Amino acid sequence: MSNRSSIRHFLLLALADTRQLQLLHFCLLLGISLAALLGNGLIITAIACSHHLHTPMFFFLLNLALSDLGSICTTVPKAMHNSLWDARDISYTGCAAQLFFFMFFMSAEYFLLTLMCYDRYVSICKPLHYETLLGSRACAHMAAAAWASGFLNALVHTTNTFSLPLCHGNALGQIFCEIPQILKLSCSRSNLRELGLLAVTVFFVFGCFVFIVFSYVQIFRAVLRIPSEQGRHKAFSTCLPHLVVVSLFLSTGTFAYLKPPSMSSPTLDVGVSVLYSVVTPALNPLIYSLRNQELKAAVWILMTGCFQEH
């Protein structure tokens, strides 16, 4: 990476300029991250330890919880460190690593959410083919493809971003390293490689979005044809958490990256970034647990078992 000789470190955006507010932000980030670690950790352990939860839906949910844990652990610790010690700097290598892992986990999460939509579509619209289309080997291959796609997407974008010549300082207008902030430091106003990569990424993101919308149209049509009210309620209950998580993920992420420049401000940018990179991964376990009785029962058994042992 050619920029390493000229730029040794970057300066992240300070969350506050007074010591009291810095400590308050540290406590808030600590509370949210602990909630995310606890919630996602319980889901991962409950699914792994409960044999009756070894189904495609919960297998993909376990992978989603792993991606949530990864994204939290990528961005929050450095922001907490800077707030606690009144610092702003992050090394060049650390910034590249943070950008790569953040892109990796967020990309994998989006592909996993698409797979979870496919799982709900097959379960409701093609129940007789469920075992055939979503066998254990097929689920493992699809999950591996989601992680591999996220890795490739992160690798390509990180390599390209950090190969650009930077000549507009080293101050980033964000509390963690992300592509738009680094592109603002680039010497060239328009980079054809990055625009081309962005176009490819948008194509895949839009393709997954169209697939999710099409699937839910078919799901709702199939659910409305179910004669019993109890059957319809059960079908909606399995889809609602996923629909809420997808909506939250897409709305916050889209607003963060595609909002008009006239709406951009440091406070709004930081607030939106914290919402989709920190708050959303912390809320996902709660959203899935509220409507899923099997998962709630498994988590409760896990927690009560731990308390009884102690």
Protein backbone atom coordinates (compact mmCIF):
# COMPACT_ATOMS: atom_id res chain seq x y z
CA MET A 1 0.00 0.00 0.00
CA SER A 2 1.73 3.12 -1.28
CA ASN A 3 0.30 5.57 1.24
CA ARG A 4 1.99 4.02 4.22
CA SER A 5 5.20 6.02 3.74
CA SER A 6 3.36 9.35 3.86
CA ILE A 7 0.57 8.66 6.38
CA ARG A 8 1.41 6.78 9.56
CA HIS A 9 -1.95 7.16 11.29
CA PHE A 10 -5.42 8.62 10.95
CA LEU A 11 -7.36 10.84 13.33
CA LEU A 12 -10.87 9.62 14.14
CA LEU A 13 -13.69 11.99 15.02
CA ALA A 14 -13.92 12.80 18.72
CA LEU A 15 -17.32 11.99 20.20
CA ALA A 16 -17.18 14.95 22.61
CA ASP A 17 -14.91 17.78 23.67
CA THR A 18 -15.54 17.64 27.42
CA ARG A 19 -14.35 14.95 29.81
CA GLN A 20 -17.81 14.35 31.27
CA LEU A 21 -19.37 13.71 27.85
CA GLN A 22 -16.48 11.48 26.82
CA LEU A 23 -17.01 9.30 29.88
CA LEU A 24 -20.77 9.29 29.23
CA HIS A 25 -20.22 8.12 25.66
CA PHE A 26 -17.83 5.45 26.93
CA CYS A 27 -20.46 4.15 29.34
CA LEU A 28 -23.16 4.15 26.64
CA LEU A 29 -20.95 2.26 24.19
CA LEU A 30 -19.95 -0.16 26.93
CA GLY A 31 -23.59 -0.84 27.86
CA ILE A 32 -24.68 -1.37 24.26
CA SER A 33 -21.72 -3.58 23.42
CA LEU A 34 -22.21 -5.71 26.55
CA ALA A 35 -25.90 -6.11 25.67
CA ALA A 36 -24.92 -7.17 22.13
CA LEU A 37 -22.30 -9.61 23.39
CA LEU A 38 -24.69 -11.11 25.93
CA GLY A 39 -27.67 -11.36 23.56
CA ASN A 40 -25.78 -12.78 20.58
CA GLY A 41 -23.69 -15.01 22.82
CA LEU A 42 -26.81 -16.51 24.38
CA ILE A 43 -28.35 -17.13 20.96
CA ILE A 44 -25.19 -18.82 19.65
CA THR A 45 -24.85 -21.02 22.76
CA ALA A 46 -28.56 -21.90 22.93
CA ILE A 47 -28.70 -22.94 19.26
CA ALA A 48 -25.43 -24.87 19.47
CA CYS A 49 -26.47 -26.75 22.63
CA SER A 50 -30.15 -27.42 21.80
CA HIS A 51 -30.50 -30.33 19.40
CA HIS A 52 -34.08 -29.43 18.47
CA LEU A 53 -32.86 -26.04 17.20
CA HIS A 54 -30.55 -27.63 14.64
CA THR A 55 -32.74 -26.54 11.74
CA PRO A 56 -31.93 -24.31 8.74
CA MET A 57 -33.69 -21.27 10.24
CA PHE A 58 -31.70 -21.41 13.47
CA PHE A 59 -28.49 -22.37 11.66
CA PHE A 60 -28.67 -19.14 9.65
CA LEU A 61 -29.63 -17.22 12.81
CA LEU A 62 -26.49 -18.55 14.51
CA ASN A 63 -24.40 -17.26 11.61
CA LEU A 64 -26.19 -13.90 11.80
CA ALA A 65 -25.36 -13.64 15.51
CA LEU A 66 -21.71 -14.35 14.71
CA SER A 67 -21.65 -11.53 12.14
CA ASP A 68 -23.29 -9.18 14.67
CA LEU A 69 -20.63 -10.05 17.26
CA GLY A 70 -17.91 -9.48 14.68
CA SER A 71 -19.16 -6.04 13.63
CA ILE A 72 -19.50 -4.92 17.26
CA CYS A 73 -16.00 -6.11 18.15
CA THR A 74 -14.55 -4.38 15.08
CA THR A 75 -15.75 -0.81 15.68
CA VAL A 76 -16.70 -0.36 19.35
CA PRO A 77 -13.48 -1.21 21.27
CA LYS A 78 -11.42 1.49 19.53
CA ALA A 79 -14.19 4.09 19.98
CA MET A 80 -14.42 3.17 23.67
CA HIS A 81 -10.63 3.39 24.05
CA ASN A 82 -10.53 6.84 22.44
CA SER A 83 -13.39 8.12 24.62
CA LEU A 84 -11.83 6.78 27.81
CA TRP A 85 -8.30 8.03 27.14
CA ASP A 86 -9.22 11.23 25.25
CA ALA A 87 -7.46 10.03 22.11
CA ARG A 88 -8.25 10.16 18.40
CA ASP A 89 -5.51 8.34 16.55
CA ILE A 90 -5.60 4.95 14.85
CA SER A 91 -2.64 3.47 13.00
CA TYR A 92 -2.63 3.13 9.22
CA THR A 93 -2.60 -0.68 9.49
CA GLY A 94 -5.26 -0.60 12.22
CA CYS A 95 -7.52 1.55 10.06
CA ALA A 96 -7.13 -0.81 7.10
CA ALA A 97 -7.87 -3.82 9.31
CA GLN A 98 -10.90 -2.12 10.87
CA LEU A 99 -12.29 -1.20 7.45
CA PHE A 100 -11.74 -4.72 6.11
CA PHE A 101 -13.39 -6.53 9.02
CA PHE A 102 -16.30 -4.07 9.18
CA MET A 103 -16.99 -4.54 5.46
CA PHE A 104 -16.57 -8.29 5.85
CA PHE A 105 -19.07 -8.72 8.67
CA MET A 106 -21.63 -6.25 7.30
CA SER A 107 -21.50 -7.79 3.80
CA ALA A 108 -21.81 -11.30 5.22
CA GLU A 109 -24.75 -10.18 7.35
CA TYR A 110 -26.62 -8.87 4.32
CA PHE A 111 -26.06 -12.11 2.39
CA LEU A 112 -27.13 -14.13 5.44
CA LEU A 113 -30.33 -12.09 5.76
CA THR A 114 -31.02 -12.91 2.11
CA LEU A 115 -30.52 -16.62 2.81
CA MET A 116 -32.84 -16.40 5.82
CA CYS A 117 -35.47 -14.90 3.53
CA TYR A 118 -35.01 -17.85 1.16
CA ASP A 119 -35.46 -20.21 4.11
CA ARG A 120 -38.79 -18.59 5.03
CA TYR A 121 -39.88 -18.63 1.37
CA VAL A 122 -39.21 -22.36 0.96
CA SER A 123 -40.75 -23.17 4.37
CA ILE A 124 -44.04 -21.42 3.59
CA CYS A 125 -44.36 -21.55 -0.19
CA LYS A 126 -42.71 -24.93 -0.92
CA PRO A 127 -43.02 -26.93 2.34
CA LEU A 128 -42.93 -30.32 0.58
CA HIS A 129 -39.50 -29.49 -0.91
CA TYR A 130 -38.06 -28.02 2.30
CA GLU A 131 -35.88 -31.01 3.24
CA THR A 132 -34.61 -31.32 -0.31
CA LEU A 133 -33.80 -27.65 -0.93
CA LEU A 134 -32.47 -26.90 2.55
CA GLY A 135 -30.65 -30.01 3.67
CA SER A 136 -27.72 -29.73 6.06
CA ARG A 137 -25.16 -29.82 3.26
CA ALA A 138 -27.01 -27.20 1.21
CA CYS A 139 -27.28 -24.87 4.24
CA ALA A 140 -23.57 -25.26 4.98
CA HIS A 141 -22.70 -24.45 1.36
CA MET A 142 -24.97 -21.40 1.31
CA ALA A 143 -23.58 -20.07 4.61
CA ALA A 144 -20.02 -20.62 3.37
CA ALA A 145 -20.88 -18.76 0.16
CA ALA A 146 -22.25 -15.83 2.20
CA TRP A 147 -19.07 -15.60 4.30
CA ALA A 148 -16.83 -16.02 1.24
CA SER A 149 -18.74 -13.31 -0.65
CA GLY A 150 -18.39 -10.96 2.30
CA PHE A 151 -14.66 -11.69 2.52
CA LEU A 152 -14.11 -11.10 -1.20
CA ASN A 153 -16.16 -7.88 -1.17
CA ALA A 154 -14.22 -6.55 1.84
CA LEU A 155 -10.84 -7.55 0.41
CA VAL A 156 -11.44 -5.88 -2.97
CA HIS A 157 -12.80 -2.64 -1.51
CA THR A 158 -10.15 -2.37 1.22
CA THR A 159 -7.27 -3.03 -1.18
CA ASN A 160 -8.58 -0.49 -3.67
CA THR A 161 -9.35 2.18 -1.06
CA PHE A 162 -5.93 2.03 0.57
CA SER A 163 -4.12 2.04 -2.78
CA LEU A 164 -5.40 5.55 -3.53
CA PRO A 165 -3.00 8.49 -3.04
CA LEU A 166 -4.13 10.56 -0.05
CA CYS A 167 -3.24 14.25 0.08
CA HIS A 168 -6.03 15.93 2.09
CA GLY A 169 -4.71 15.27 5.56
CA ASN A 170 -5.46 12.32 7.80
CA ALA A 171 -8.56 13.45 9.75
CA LEU A 172 -11.65 11.25 9.31
CA GLY A 173 -15.13 12.57 10.02
CA GLN A 174 -16.25 9.32 11.67
CA ILE A 175 -15.58 7.35 14.86
CA PHE A 176 -14.33 4.37 12.85
CA CYS A 177 -12.69 3.86 9.47
CA GLU A 178 -15.08 3.57 6.54
CA ILE A 179 -14.69 3.96 2.79
CA PRO A 180 -16.50 7.31 2.19
CA GLN A 181 -14.36 9.08 4.81
CA ILE A 182 -11.09 7.80 3.34
CA LEU A 183 -12.18 8.66 -0.20
CA LYS A 184 -12.61 12.28 0.97
CA LEU A 185 -8.85 12.34 1.62
CA SER A 186 -8.01 11.08 -1.85
CA CYS A 187 -6.13 13.35 -4.25
CA SER A 188 -8.37 12.41 -7.18
CA ARG A 189 -11.95 13.66 -7.09
CA SER A 190 -13.24 10.70 -9.05
CA ASN A 191 -11.69 7.27 -9.06
CA LEU A 192 -12.86 4.99 -11.86
CA ARG A 193 -11.83 1.81 -10.08
CA GLU A 194 -13.76 2.66 -6.94
CA LEU A 195 -16.77 3.78 -8.97
CA GLY A 196 -16.67 0.51 -10.89
CA LEU A 197 -16.42 -1.55 -7.70
CA LEU A 198 -19.20 0.50 -6.15
CA ALA A 199 -21.41 -0.16 -9.19
CA VAL A 200 -20.82 -3.92 -8.88
CA THR A 201 -21.59 -3.81 -5.15
CA VAL A 202 -24.78 -1.82 -5.73
CA PHE A 203 -25.81 -4.37 -8.37
CA PHE A 204 -25.49 -7.26 -5.90
CA VAL A 205 -27.12 -5.31 -3.07
CA PHE A 206 -30.04 -4.36 -5.29
CA GLY A 207 -30.29 -7.93 -6.58
CA CYS A 208 -30.57 -9.27 -3.03
CA PHE A 209 -33.11 -6.56 -2.21
CA VAL A 210 -35.28 -7.48 -5.22
CA PHE A 211 -35.07 -11.15 -4.21
CA ILE A 212 -36.17 -10.33 -0.64
CA VAL A 213 -39.10 -8.20 -1.84
CA PHE A 214 -40.21 -10.83 -4.38
CA SER A 215 -39.95 -13.59 -1.76
CA TYR A 216 -42.05 -11.71 0.77
CA VAL A 217 -44.71 -10.96 -1.81
CA GLN A 218 -44.98 -14.69 -2.47
CA ILE A 219 -44.87 -15.45 1.28
CA PHE A 220 -47.70 -13.04 2.11
CA ARG A 221 -49.82 -14.40 -0.74
CA ALA A 222 -49.28 -17.96 0.53
CA VAL A 223 -49.98 -17.01 4.16
CA LEU A 224 -53.24 -15.26 3.28
CA ARG A 225 -54.40 -18.48 1.60
CA ILE A 226 -53.97 -20.49 4.82
CA PRO A 227 -57.52 -21.29 6.00
CA SER A 228 -56.97 -21.29 9.78
CA GLU A 229 -56.23 -18.11 11.70
CA GLN A 230 -53.81 -19.99 13.95
CA GLY A 231 -51.86 -21.19 10.92
CA ARG A 232 -51.62 -17.67 9.53
CA HIS A 233 -50.49 -16.32 12.89
CA LYS A 234 -47.78 -18.98 13.20
CA ALA A 235 -46.50 -18.29 9.67
CA PHE A 236 -46.41 -14.51 10.28
CA SER A 237 -44.63 -15.06 13.60
CA THR A 238 -41.73 -16.82 11.88
CA CYS A 239 -41.41 -14.07 9.26
CA LEU A 240 -41.94 -10.91 11.31
CA PRO A 241 -38.59 -10.89 13.20
CA HIS A 242 -36.65 -11.37 9.97
CA LEU A 243 -38.65 -8.66 8.22
CA VAL A 244 -38.01 -6.21 11.08
CA VAL A 245 -34.26 -6.96 11.11
CA VAL A 246 -33.98 -6.60 7.32
CA SER A 247 -35.91 -3.31 7.37
CA LEU A 248 -33.75 -1.92 10.19
CA PHE A 249 -30.52 -3.02 8.53
CA LEU A 250 -31.39 -1.70 5.07
CA SER A 251 -32.98 1.58 6.18
CA THR A 252 -30.11 2.63 8.45
CA GLY A 253 -27.39 1.45 6.07
CA THR A 254 -29.01 3.06 3.03
CA PHE A 255 -29.53 6.36 4.82
CA ALA A 256 -25.93 6.33 6.09
CA TYR A 257 -24.40 5.88 2.63
CA LEU A 258 -26.97 7.41 0.26
CA LYS A 259 -28.31 10.43 2.13
CA PRO A 260 -28.07 13.76 0.23
CA PRO A 261 -24.91 15.81 0.92
CA SER A 262 -27.14 18.68 2.12
CA MET A 263 -28.25 16.49 5.05
CA SER A 264 -24.72 15.56 6.05
CA SER A 265 -23.37 16.84 9.35
CA PRO A 266 -20.85 15.36 11.83
CA THR A 267 -23.52 14.80 14.48
CA LEU A 268 -25.98 13.14 12.08
CA ASP A 269 -23.26 11.04 10.42
CA VAL A 270 -22.03 9.71 13.77
CA GLY A 271 -25.58 9.09 15.03
CA VAL A 272 -26.57 7.10 11.95
CA SER A 273 -23.30 5.15 11.92
CA VAL A 274 -23.74 4.18 15.58
CA LEU A 275 -27.32 3.16 14.81
CA TYR A 276 -26.49 0.70 12.03
CA SER A 277 -23.09 -0.50 13.25
CA VAL A 278 -23.68 -0.73 17.02
CA VAL A 279 -27.36 -0.47 17.98
CA THR A 280 -28.75 -2.76 15.26
CA PRO A 281 -26.48 -5.75 16.15
CA ALA A 282 -27.49 -5.27 19.79
CA LEU A 283 -31.22 -5.24 18.94
CA ASN A 284 -31.21 -8.28 16.63
CA PRO A 285 -31.16 -10.89 19.44
CA LEU A 286 -34.02 -9.13 21.20
CA ILE A 287 -36.09 -8.91 18.00
CA TYR A 288 -35.67 -12.63 17.26
CA SER A 289 -36.22 -13.75 20.85
CA LEU A 290 -39.46 -11.82 21.41
CA ARG A 291 -41.49 -13.70 18.77
CA ASN A 292 -39.83 -17.13 18.80
CA GLN A 293 -41.05 -19.37 21.61
CA GLU A 294 -38.55 -22.17 20.84
CA LEU A 295 -35.60 -19.80 21.05
CA LYS A 296 -36.91 -18.13 24.20
CA ALA A 297 -37.35 -21.53 25.86
CA ALA A 298 -33.83 -22.63 24.88
CA VAL A 299 -32.28 -19.38 26.15
CA TRP A 300 -34.26 -19.64 29.39
CA ILE A 301 -33.12 -23.23 29.97
CA LEU A 302 -29.54 -22.18 29.27
CA MET A 303 -29.70 -19.25 31.71
CA THR A 304 -31.45 -21.15 34.50
CA GLY A 305 -29.02 -24.04 34.08
CA CYS A 306 -26.06 -21.69 34.47
CA PHE A 307 -27.59 -20.08 37.58
CA GLN A 308 -28.31 -23.49 39.15
CA GLU A 309 -24.71 -24.59 38.60
CA HIS A 310 -23.50 -21.51 40.45
